[in-house]
Protein backbone atom coordinates (compact mmCIF):
# COMPACT_ATOMS: atom_id res chain seq x y z
CA MET A 1 4.66 10.16 -5.31
CA LEU A 2 4.62 13.90 -5.89
CA ILE A 3 0.93 14.58 -5.37
CA ASN A 4 -2.09 12.96 -3.77
CA HIS A 5 -5.75 13.91 -4.24
CA ILE A 6 -8.37 13.19 -1.62
CA ALA A 7 -11.69 13.50 -3.38
CA MET A 8 -15.04 14.05 -1.76
CA ILE A 9 -17.95 13.25 -4.02
CA SER A 10 -21.71 13.47 -3.72
CA GLU A 11 -24.51 12.48 -6.03
CA ARG A 12 -26.13 15.82 -5.24
CA ASP A 13 -24.82 18.91 -7.03
CA ASP A 14 -25.72 21.26 -4.15
CA VAL A 15 -23.69 19.18 -1.69
CA GLN A 16 -20.82 18.61 -4.15
CA LEU A 17 -20.26 22.35 -4.41
CA LEU A 18 -19.61 22.47 -0.66
CA LEU A 19 -17.32 19.47 -0.42
CA THR A 20 -13.64 20.17 0.03
CA GLN A 21 -11.08 18.61 -2.28
CA PHE A 22 -7.60 18.10 -0.88
CA ILE A 23 -4.39 18.20 -2.88
CA ILE A 24 -1.38 16.98 -0.91
CA GLY A 25 1.98 17.72 -2.43
CA ASN A 26 5.54 17.32 -1.33
CA GLY A 27 7.98 20.21 -1.25
CA ARG A 28 9.43 19.28 -4.64
CA PHE A 29 6.02 19.56 -6.30
CA LEU A 30 4.31 22.35 -4.36
CA LEU A 31 7.14 24.86 -4.25
CA ARG A 32 7.08 27.35 -1.40
CA ARG A 33 7.69 30.26 -3.78
CA GLU A 34 4.62 29.27 -5.84
CA MET A 35 2.18 28.58 -3.01
CA GLY A 36 0.81 32.14 -2.94
CA ASP A 37 -0.03 32.04 -6.64
CA LEU A 38 -1.50 28.54 -6.34
CA GLU A 39 -3.64 29.56 -3.36
CA ALA A 40 -4.94 32.59 -5.27
CA ALA A 41 -5.74 30.55 -8.40
CA LYS A 42 -7.43 27.51 -6.86
CA PRO A 43 -11.19 27.15 -6.43
CA PRO A 44 -12.47 27.97 -2.92
CA ASN A 45 -13.31 24.35 -2.13
CA VAL A 46 -9.76 23.11 -2.80
CA VAL A 47 -7.24 22.85 0.02
CA LEU A 48 -3.55 22.63 -0.82
CA LEU A 49 -1.46 20.83 1.77
CA ARG A 50 2.29 21.22 1.30
CA ARG A 51 4.04 18.56 3.33
CA ARG A 52 7.35 16.73 3.55
CA ASN A 53 5.79 13.96 1.47
CA SER A 54 2.47 13.58 -0.27
CA TRP A 55 1.39 10.44 1.54
CA CYS A 56 -1.97 10.46 3.24
CA SER A 57 -1.00 10.21 6.91
CA GLY A 58 -3.30 9.70 9.87
CA GLU A 59 -2.80 13.37 10.75
CA VAL A 60 -3.95 14.42 7.28
CA MET A 61 -6.95 12.09 7.49
CA VAL A 62 -8.03 13.55 10.84
CA HIS A 63 -7.89 17.03 9.25
CA VAL A 64 -9.90 15.82 6.23
CA VAL A 65 -12.58 14.24 8.43
CA LYS A 66 -12.88 17.37 10.60
CA VAL A 67 -13.37 19.55 7.52
CA LEU A 68 -15.92 17.10 6.12
CA GLY A 69 -17.73 17.13 9.45
CA GLU A 70 -17.95 20.94 9.40
CA VAL A 71 -19.32 20.97 5.86
CA MET A 72 -21.82 18.22 6.57
CA ALA A 73 -22.99 19.91 9.78
CA ALA A 74 -24.09 22.85 7.63
CA VAL A 75 -25.86 20.50 5.21
CA ARG A 76 -27.53 18.61 8.06
CA ALA A 77 -28.80 21.87 9.57
CA ARG A 78 -31.25 22.05 6.67
CA GLU A 79 -31.53 18.34 5.91
CA PRO A 80 -30.93 16.25 9.05
CA HIS A 81 -31.53 12.93 7.28
CA ILE A 82 -28.33 13.16 5.20
CA GLN A 83 -25.63 10.73 6.29
CA PRO A 84 -22.06 11.10 4.98
CA LEU A 85 -20.13 7.93 4.27
CA LEU A 86 -16.37 7.74 3.77
CA LEU A 87 -15.03 4.95 1.62
CA PHE A 88 -11.51 4.04 2.68
CA ASP A 89 -9.18 1.47 1.31
CA ALA A 90 -7.46 -0.58 4.00
CA MET A 91 -4.39 1.67 4.27
CA LYS A 92 -3.29 1.87 7.91
CA ALA A 93 -3.33 5.69 7.94
CA HIS A 94 -7.07 5.62 7.23
CA LEU A 95 -7.81 3.35 10.17
CA THR A 96 -5.98 4.88 13.12
CA ARG A 97 -7.87 5.40 16.36
CA ALA A 98 -7.56 9.16 15.89
CA VAL A 99 -9.17 8.97 12.43
CA LEU A 100 -11.99 6.75 13.65
CA ARG A 101 -12.59 9.04 16.66
CA ALA A 102 -12.73 12.02 14.28
CA CYS A 103 -15.27 10.17 12.13
CA LYS A 104 -17.42 9.45 15.16
CA ALA A 105 -17.23 13.07 16.32
CA ALA A 106 -18.13 14.29 12.82
CA ARG A 107 -20.99 11.77 12.56
CA VAL A 108 -19.43 10.23 9.45
CA TRP A 109 -19.88 6.54 8.74
CA VAL A 110 -16.85 4.60 7.56
CA PHE A 111 -16.79 1.79 5.02
CA VAL A 112 -13.47 0.02 4.57
CA ILE A 113 -12.86 -1.47 1.15
CA PRO A 114 -10.71 -4.60 1.37
CA ALA A 115 -7.47 -4.19 -0.60
CA TRP A 116 -8.36 -6.83 -3.15
CA MET A 117 -11.69 -5.11 -3.89
CA THR A 118 -10.30 -1.63 -4.69
CA PRO A 119 -10.50 -2.05 -8.51
CA LEU A 120 -14.17 -3.01 -8.22
CA LEU A 121 -15.41 -0.65 -5.51
CA GLN A 122 -13.10 2.34 -5.52
CA ARG A 123 -13.31 3.39 -9.13
CA LEU A 124 -11.66 6.81 -8.70
CA ASP A 125 -8.45 5.28 -7.29
CA ALA A 126 -8.35 2.40 -9.71
CA HIS A 127 -9.30 4.21 -12.93
CA VAL A 128 -9.26 8.00 -12.68
CA PHE A 129 -6.46 8.93 -10.26
CA ALA A 130 -4.24 6.13 -11.57
CA LEU A 131 -3.76 8.02 -14.86
């Protein structure tokens, strides 16, 4: 896999504009010599992560959850009733103790989608990102 996209989505346009999108690429895809140009060209809510591989590790997930927590703290400052929910498939990297601790600290609820339910409940993975 050359690239991985971690999408954050909201039904509310005002919140969606704040949510960070993560693109994880390996060194063969996100070339070091092109990173400056890519950083300059990307939208402000996109984070490019150049890593040895593009897999979504526990370390990456902790980073993602911390960023989500920061964004949602700003949203909750004006609307305290909003509750973020992360939908994870059952990949082990999503369910490490460090990731779950980060979710608790960020006040993010977690919903784990069983592997055999991904095509039904995780439509982005099954139908959009699979292209």
